[in-house]
Structures are given as C-alpha cells and as structure tokens.
Amino acid sequence: MPLLTLQQVSLAFGHVPLLDHVDLVVEPGDKIALIGRNGTGKSSLLRILCGEQRPDDGELWRKPDLRLAYVPQEPPLDPEH
C-alpha cells in the first residue's frame, strides 16, 4: 500500500504553471530527492504533500495514519529575537 499518491496535480501562480498534471506514488522504503532550479515548484510540491497548500487541480491521497514533518524554506521568525 502506498504512503501517498498524487494524481494529475496542477498548481500555477498567475499564468506560470509550477506543477502540470503531476503523478507521484511514494511507497514504504522509497527515497526521494527534489532537485531543480529556484522557482520550479519544489517547495510548493512539499507544501501540497503535507497539506499546507491545496493544488489547483488533481487529487492527493495520504495513508490515513501517515505522519509527515516539513521544515519550511523560510520559517516565521520573531523580530524580537
């Protein structure tokens, strides 16, 4: 049984598509690396996978008891510190 599945997921900001009908299946034991230039949708894909952002189109399925951890690229910082 897969841990998570993306089916035909799309995401765009304005007229710029970042994800265009992406399909992805992550099985237990898989090791995945996201490699690409700045602005190509790597962080957006991670935010979709963890449920922090919704895709414009397509479906995301996660195994019901799956726990995900995500460290944002730009964490909120307290200006007092």
Protein backbone atom coordinates (compact mmCIF):
# COMPACT_ATOMS: atom_id res chain seq x y z
CA MET A 1 0.00 0.00 0.00
CA PRO A 2 1.46 3.41 -0.95
CA LEU A 3 2.14 6.09 1.66
CA LEU A 4 0.84 8.84 -0.59
CA THR A 5 -0.34 9.36 -4.14
CA LEU A 6 -0.68 12.41 -6.37
CA GLN A 7 -2.89 12.10 -9.44
CA GLN A 8 -2.90 14.76 -12.15
CA VAL A 9 -1.95 17.52 -9.68
CA SER A 10 -1.58 21.02 -11.11
CA LEU A 11 -0.54 24.28 -9.48
CA ALA A 12 0.05 27.67 -11.05
CA PHE A 13 0.71 31.18 -9.83
CA GLY A 14 -0.92 33.50 -12.33
CA HIS A 15 -0.02 32.27 -15.79
CA VAL A 16 3.07 30.41 -14.59
CA PRO A 17 2.44 26.67 -14.14
CA LEU A 18 4.65 25.09 -11.49
CA LEU A 19 3.09 21.63 -11.47
CA ASP A 20 1.38 20.42 -14.63
CA HIS A 21 -0.65 17.21 -14.16
CA VAL A 22 1.91 15.56 -11.87
CA ASP A 23 1.56 11.90 -10.94
CA LEU A 24 3.54 10.54 -7.99
CA VAL A 25 3.38 7.41 -5.85
CA VAL A 26 5.52 7.07 -2.71
CA GLU A 27 5.85 3.54 -1.38
CA PRO A 28 7.27 2.49 2.01
CA GLY A 29 11.07 2.48 1.83
CA ASP A 30 11.26 4.88 -1.13
CA LYS A 31 13.98 7.51 -1.02
CA ILE A 32 13.21 10.72 -2.91
CA ALA A 33 15.24 13.81 -3.78
CA LEU A 34 13.79 17.01 -5.22
CA ILE A 35 16.28 18.72 -7.50
CA GLY A 36 15.60 21.76 -9.63
CA ARG A 37 16.24 25.43 -10.19
CA ASN A 38 14.75 28.12 -7.99
CA GLY A 39 11.08 28.77 -8.67
CA THR A 40 10.32 25.41 -10.27
CA GLY A 41 7.86 24.21 -7.60
CA LYS A 42 9.90 22.06 -5.21
CA SER A 43 8.70 23.83 -2.05
CA SER A 44 5.17 24.10 -3.43
CA LEU A 45 5.12 20.34 -4.01
CA LEU A 46 6.24 19.71 -0.41
CA ARG A 47 3.56 22.08 0.92
CA ILE A 48 0.93 20.18 -1.07
CA LEU A 49 2.19 16.82 0.22
CA CYS A 50 1.97 17.94 3.86
CA GLY A 51 -1.45 19.57 3.37
CA GLU A 52 -0.25 23.14 3.89
CA GLN A 53 -1.30 24.13 0.36
CA ARG A 54 -4.05 22.85 -1.93
CA PRO A 55 -3.41 22.14 -5.59
CA ASP A 56 -5.41 23.94 -8.26
CA ASP A 57 -6.44 20.59 -9.72
CA GLY A 58 -5.89 16.88 -9.17
CA GLU A 59 -6.02 14.62 -6.15
CA LEU A 60 -3.78 13.94 -3.17
CA TRP A 61 -4.24 10.78 -1.13
CA ARG A 62 -2.30 10.04 2.05
CA LYS A 63 -2.36 6.84 4.06
CA PRO A 64 -4.74 7.57 6.97
CA ASP A 65 -2.17 7.07 9.75
CA LEU A 66 0.70 8.76 7.86
CA ARG A 67 2.62 11.40 9.81
CA LEU A 68 4.58 13.97 7.83
CA ALA A 69 7.09 16.54 9.03
CA TYR A 70 8.03 19.58 6.99
CA VAL A 71 10.53 22.35 7.71
CA PRO A 72 9.61 25.44 5.69
CA GLN A 73 12.24 27.05 3.50
CA GLU A 74 11.52 30.41 5.11
CA PRO A 75 10.33 29.79 8.69
CA PRO A 76 8.44 32.54 10.51
CA LEU A 77 10.94 34.41 12.67
CA ASP A 78 10.18 36.54 15.72
CA PRO A 79 11.64 40.01 15.07
CA GLU A 80 12.13 40.42 18.84
CA HIS A 81 14.92 37.81 18.81
